[in-house]
Amino acid sequence: NASRGYSEQNDNSRSEHNTTIIGLCLLQVYDLNTVAKDIELPGAFILGAGAASSRILGVNAEFIPIVQAQSDKKPAVNGSYIAQINPADKGCLLEKYSSKYTDCEFGLLANLYASEGQPGKVIEVKANGRTGELNFVSCLRQILEKHYGEKPVGMGGTFVIQKGKAKIHIMPPEFSACPLNTDEDVNNWLKFFEMKAPLVCQPVIVSRDPGFDLRTEHTHCFSAHGEGGHYHNDTTPDSVQYCGYFLPAELLFRIDRPKETHMVGRD
């Protein structure tokens, strides 16, 4: 089970719409219901990006969590997706998690955005065309970092790639037989695809790492046309269109911080 990590505030006060950023990473499995309890938000609505539990699936897969965690009054509702390599044609196989599984488990790592799931004011961001090398999420993160400086600011939500295509990866079904020591090693192991809009993306952003060994941005996506995975960037800068809705987080939790760390594979 995941254990409670770091909180930016020490008391138990909460605003009307509590939101939380959570980072996890370890060679084990977790449960989103347990995570919600550990951050003192049972029944939390959870979005983000992570790895599916290979213990449940039997293979590696990208996890796109969309979960209303269980509470004392209601059972969990799991609307998550999983994207894996299709054994039939080596393409993308995107499936609703609940079509095969009844749990709320995930494995390895995740960056999660948890809220009460209530309506309220949000930040709308629209962008047409890309003029630089950075992707949409990196641009948002760097804007936050430039404005807030040393103060870390977390943000999560959803954006849609409305037009264009995007570079997406999916993990191979089996772990690498040899160590992956560089970003090049990781990229050679991953399977990359060009996927078409519309793609619904779930970013988790922290403007800067306050010393907790965080992945400062992580985005997974899904679609209604059977494509999804880990978002890297659009591949059609002249025609791409983005529309997103975001909300800053109030708390940051770090769960199961690794004792040994590295910067490989954090793209």
Protein backbone atom coordinates (compact mmCIF):
# COMPACT_ATOMS: atom_id res chain seq x y z
CA ASN A 1 0.00 0.00 0.00
CA ALA A 2 1.08 3.54 -0.63
CA SER A 3 2.01 5.55 2.42
CA ARG A 4 1.35 9.21 3.09
CA GLY A 5 4.04 11.51 1.77
CA TYR A 6 4.64 15.25 1.94
CA SER A 7 2.01 17.92 2.49
CA GLU A 8 2.58 21.62 1.91
CA GLN A 9 0.47 22.47 4.93
CA ASN A 10 0.52 20.92 8.38
CA ASP A 11 -3.02 21.53 9.55
CA ASN A 12 -6.23 19.86 8.43
CA SER A 13 -7.92 22.92 6.96
CA ARG A 14 -9.39 22.58 3.48
CA SER A 15 -10.90 25.02 1.04
CA GLU A 16 -14.21 24.49 -0.71
CA HIS A 17 -12.59 22.75 -3.68
CA ASN A 18 -9.57 20.84 -2.43
CA THR A 19 -7.06 19.72 -5.05
CA THR A 20 -3.85 17.77 -4.65
CA ILE A 21 -0.79 16.76 -6.66
CA ILE A 22 0.63 13.31 -5.88
CA GLY A 23 3.85 11.69 -7.10
CA LEU A 24 4.58 7.97 -6.71
CA CYS A 25 7.35 5.71 -7.94
CA LEU A 26 8.46 2.26 -6.82
CA LEU A 27 8.68 -1.27 -8.15
CA GLN A 28 5.41 -2.34 -6.58
CA VAL A 29 1.68 -1.91 -7.01
CA TYR A 30 -0.67 0.71 -5.59
CA ASP A 31 -4.40 1.20 -5.23
CA LEU A 32 -6.10 4.50 -6.02
CA ASN A 33 -8.61 4.00 -3.21
CA THR A 34 -5.72 3.70 -0.75
CA VAL A 35 -4.02 6.75 -2.23
CA ALA A 36 -7.22 8.78 -1.78
CA LYS A 37 -7.40 7.78 1.89
CA ASP A 38 -3.71 8.48 2.47
CA ILE A 39 -4.08 12.04 1.20
CA GLU A 40 -7.16 12.43 3.43
CA LEU A 41 -9.53 12.81 0.50
CA PRO A 42 -11.64 9.61 0.36
CA GLY A 43 -13.92 9.65 -2.65
CA ALA A 44 -11.43 11.83 -4.55
CA PHE A 45 -11.78 12.32 -8.28
CA ILE A 46 -8.39 11.35 -9.73
CA LEU A 47 -6.85 12.13 -13.12
CA GLY A 48 -3.29 11.84 -14.38
CA ALA A 49 -0.71 9.55 -15.92
CA GLY A 50 0.88 6.32 -14.75
CA ALA A 51 1.68 2.70 -15.47
CA ALA A 52 -0.87 -0.08 -15.40
CA SER A 53 -0.34 -2.96 -13.00
CA SER A 54 1.47 -5.72 -14.87
CA ARG A 55 0.38 -8.02 -12.04
CA ILE A 56 -3.22 -7.56 -13.19
CA LEU A 57 -2.70 -7.25 -16.95
CA GLY A 58 0.22 -9.64 -17.32
CA VAL A 59 2.02 -7.08 -19.52
CA ASN A 60 3.19 -3.47 -19.37
CA ALA A 61 0.71 -0.78 -20.39
CA GLU A 62 0.16 2.96 -20.16
CA PHE A 63 -2.45 3.89 -17.55
CA ILE A 64 -4.81 6.82 -18.05
CA PRO A 65 -6.61 7.10 -14.68
CA ILE A 66 -10.11 8.55 -14.47
CA VAL A 67 -11.36 7.36 -11.10
CA GLN A 68 -13.83 8.42 -8.45
CA ALA A 69 -12.31 6.68 -5.44
CA GLN A 70 -14.50 4.80 -3.02
CA SER A 71 -15.89 6.53 0.05
CA ASP A 72 -17.96 5.45 3.03
CA LYS A 73 -21.09 6.16 1.01
CA LYS A 74 -20.19 5.07 -2.52
CA PRO A 75 -18.10 2.38 -4.25
CA ALA A 76 -15.32 3.38 -6.61
CA VAL A 77 -16.15 4.30 -10.20
CA ASN A 78 -13.32 3.46 -12.59
CA GLY A 79 -13.50 5.14 -16.00
CA SER A 80 -9.78 4.68 -16.71
CA TYR A 81 -8.18 3.60 -19.98
CA ILE A 82 -5.16 1.42 -20.69
CA ALA A 83 -3.02 1.63 -23.83
CA GLN A 84 -0.84 -1.33 -24.70
CA ILE A 85 0.90 -2.86 -27.70
CA ASN A 86 -1.58 -4.95 -29.67
CA PRO A 87 -0.08 -8.46 -29.97
CA ALA A 88 -1.94 -8.96 -33.25
CA ASP A 89 -0.50 -6.08 -35.28
CA LYS A 90 1.98 -4.32 -32.91
CA GLY A 91 -0.17 -1.19 -33.04
CA CYS A 92 -2.02 0.58 -30.24
CA LEU A 93 -4.68 -1.28 -28.29
CA LEU A 94 -6.73 1.18 -26.21
CA GLU A 95 -9.33 -0.27 -23.86
CA LYS A 96 -11.60 0.86 -21.05
CA TYR A 97 -10.11 -0.61 -17.88
CA SER A 98 -13.51 -1.57 -16.50
CA SER A 99 -14.26 -3.68 -19.59
CA LYS A 100 -11.93 -6.37 -18.19
CA TYR A 101 -11.02 -5.48 -14.60
CA THR A 102 -12.85 -4.45 -11.44
CA ASP A 103 -9.98 -3.12 -9.28
CA CYS A 104 -8.34 0.33 -8.99
CA GLU A 105 -4.76 -0.90 -9.01
CA PHE A 106 -1.76 0.54 -10.86
CA GLY A 107 1.96 -0.15 -10.81
CA LEU A 108 5.47 1.32 -10.91
CA LEU A 109 4.71 5.03 -10.91
CA ALA A 110 2.07 7.69 -11.38
CA ASN A 111 1.60 11.42 -11.31
CA LEU A 112 -1.91 12.13 -10.11
CA TYR A 113 -4.20 15.11 -9.71
CA ALA A 114 -6.87 14.61 -7.05
CA SER A 115 -9.86 16.85 -6.38
CA GLU A 116 -13.31 16.74 -4.85
CA GLY A 117 -14.73 16.64 -8.37
CA GLN A 118 -17.01 19.60 -7.77
CA PRO A 119 -17.86 22.33 -10.30
CA GLY A 120 -16.05 25.63 -9.93
CA LYS A 121 -13.89 28.22 -11.66
CA VAL A 122 -11.06 26.90 -13.84
CA ILE A 123 -8.34 28.28 -16.09
CA GLU A 124 -9.06 27.98 -19.81
CA VAL A 125 -6.09 27.86 -22.20
CA LYS A 126 -6.40 27.81 -25.99
CA ALA A 127 -3.54 27.66 -28.47
CA ASN A 128 -3.45 27.41 -32.25
CA GLY A 129 -0.16 26.47 -33.88
CA ARG A 130 3.22 25.81 -32.29
CA THR A 131 6.14 28.11 -33.04
CA GLY A 132 8.84 26.61 -30.79
CA GLU A 133 10.25 23.22 -29.84
CA LEU A 134 8.50 22.86 -26.47
CA ASN A 135 5.24 20.95 -26.21
CA PHE A 136 2.01 22.44 -24.86
CA VAL A 137 2.53 21.13 -21.30
CA SER A 138 6.17 22.27 -21.10
CA CYS A 139 5.11 25.76 -22.19
CA LEU A 140 2.52 25.89 -19.40
CA ARG A 141 5.03 24.65 -16.82
CA GLN A 142 7.71 27.13 -17.84
CA ILE A 143 5.22 30.01 -17.72
CA LEU A 144 4.35 29.03 -14.15
CA GLU A 145 8.01 28.70 -13.21
CA LYS A 146 8.88 32.08 -14.73
CA HIS A 147 6.03 33.81 -12.91
CA TYR A 148 6.31 32.14 -9.49
CA GLY A 149 10.08 31.58 -9.39
CA GLU A 150 11.27 29.54 -6.42
CA LYS A 151 7.71 28.84 -5.24
CA PRO A 152 6.52 25.49 -6.63
CA VAL A 153 3.05 25.57 -8.20
CA GLY A 154 1.19 22.41 -9.12
CA MET A 155 -1.59 22.23 -11.69
CA GLY A 156 -3.72 19.56 -13.30
CA GLY A 157 -6.73 19.15 -15.52
CA THR A 158 -7.57 18.13 -19.06
CA PHE A 159 -6.80 19.42 -22.52
CA VAL A 160 -7.86 18.27 -25.96
CA ILE A 161 -5.72 18.20 -29.07
CA GLN A 162 -8.57 19.26 -31.34
CA LYS A 163 -6.73 19.23 -34.66
CA GLY A 164 -3.46 17.77 -35.86
CA LYS A 165 -1.41 14.76 -34.84
CA ALA A 166 0.82 13.93 -31.88
CA LYS A 167 3.88 11.85 -30.99
CA ILE A 168 2.80 9.24 -28.43
CA HIS A 169 4.63 6.30 -26.88
CA ILE A 170 3.46 3.01 -25.40
CA MET A 171 5.66 0.72 -23.30
CA PRO A 172 6.48 -2.69 -24.79
CA PRO A 173 4.67 -5.58 -23.11
CA GLU A 174 7.86 -6.91 -21.50
CA PHE A 175 10.52 -5.08 -19.51
CA SER A 176 13.90 -4.58 -21.15
CA ALA A 177 16.27 -7.52 -20.80
CA CYS A 178 19.20 -5.14 -20.30
CA PRO A 179 19.58 -1.95 -18.22
CA LEU A 180 18.35 1.32 -19.75
CA ASN A 181 21.05 3.77 -18.71
CA THR A 182 20.34 6.76 -20.96
CA ASP A 183 17.37 8.56 -22.48
CA GLU A 184 18.44 7.12 -25.83
CA ASP A 185 18.24 3.60 -24.36
CA VAL A 186 14.74 4.29 -23.07
CA ASN A 187 13.56 5.77 -26.36
CA ASN A 188 14.93 2.80 -28.29
CA TRP A 189 12.95 0.49 -25.99
CA LEU A 190 9.67 2.43 -26.15
CA LYS A 191 7.28 2.12 -29.09
CA PHE A 192 6.41 5.46 -30.70
CA PHE A 193 3.35 6.29 -32.77
CA GLU A 194 1.87 9.28 -34.56
CA MET A 195 -1.74 9.55 -33.41
CA LYS A 196 -4.48 11.76 -34.76
CA ALA A 197 -6.80 14.24 -33.08
CA PRO A 198 -9.00 14.47 -31.18
CA LEU A 199 -6.94 13.27 -28.22
CA VAL A 200 -8.05 13.88 -24.62
CA CYS A 201 -4.97 14.52 -22.48
CA GLN A 202 -4.49 14.54 -18.69
CA PRO A 203 -1.44 16.54 -17.58
CA VAL A 204 0.00 16.77 -14.08
CA ILE A 205 2.38 19.72 -13.76
CA VAL A 206 4.67 21.05 -11.02
CA SER A 207 6.41 24.29 -11.97
CA ARG A 208 9.66 23.28 -10.24
CA ASP A 209 10.85 20.42 -8.06
CA PRO A 210 11.04 21.65 -4.44
CA GLY A 211 13.59 18.95 -3.63
CA PHE A 212 11.35 15.86 -3.69
CA ASP A 213 12.79 14.24 -6.83
CA LEU A 214 9.60 14.88 -8.80
CA ARG A 215 8.73 14.36 -12.41
CA THR A 216 7.63 17.92 -13.12
CA GLU A 217 5.30 17.06 -15.99
CA HIS A 218 3.57 13.87 -17.09
CA THR A 219 0.71 13.57 -19.57
CA HIS A 220 -1.26 10.60 -20.87
CA CYS A 221 -4.09 10.67 -23.40
CA PHE A 222 -6.97 8.64 -24.76
CA SER A 223 -9.50 8.98 -27.57
CA ALA A 224 -12.77 7.70 -28.96
CA HIS A 225 -11.02 6.23 -32.02
CA GLY A 226 -8.80 3.68 -30.27
CA GLU A 227 -5.56 5.62 -29.83
CA GLY A 228 -3.80 6.77 -26.67
CA GLY A 229 -0.66 6.63 -24.54
CA HIS A 230 2.06 8.97 -23.26
CA TYR A 231 2.06 12.42 -24.88
CA HIS A 232 5.36 13.91 -26.08
CA ASN A 233 4.47 16.67 -28.55
CA ASP A 234 2.37 17.44 -31.57
CA THR A 235 3.84 16.59 -34.98
CA THR A 236 1.79 19.15 -36.92
CA PRO A 237 2.90 22.53 -35.52
CA ASP A 238 1.27 24.59 -38.27
CA SER A 239 -2.22 23.15 -37.85
CA VAL A 240 -2.41 21.89 -34.25
CA GLN A 241 -5.13 23.24 -31.97
CA TYR A 242 -5.24 22.88 -28.18
CA CYS A 243 -7.99 23.65 -25.70
CA GLY A 244 -7.51 22.93 -22.00
CA TYR A 245 -9.02 23.50 -18.57
CA PHE A 246 -6.82 23.53 -15.48
CA LEU A 247 -6.83 24.25 -11.76
CA PRO A 248 -3.89 24.90 -9.41
CA ALA A 249 -3.37 22.42 -6.58
CA GLU A 250 -3.30 23.26 -2.88
CA LEU A 251 -1.23 20.33 -1.60
CA LEU A 252 1.67 18.22 -2.81
CA PHE A 253 2.17 14.63 -1.63
CA ARG A 254 5.24 12.51 -2.40
CA ILE A 255 4.57 8.82 -1.80
CA ASP A 256 7.30 6.15 -1.70
CA ARG A 257 10.18 8.32 -2.82
CA PRO A 258 12.97 6.07 -4.19
CA LYS A 259 16.16 5.90 -2.16
CA GLU A 260 18.21 5.81 -5.36
CA THR A 261 17.26 8.09 -8.23
CA HIS A 262 18.23 9.26 -11.72
CA MET A 263 16.97 11.63 -14.42
CA VAL A 264 16.64 9.03 -17.20
CA GLY A 265 13.29 8.63 -18.95
CA ARG A 266 11.52 11.68 -17.53
CA ASP A 267 10.42 13.10 -20.88
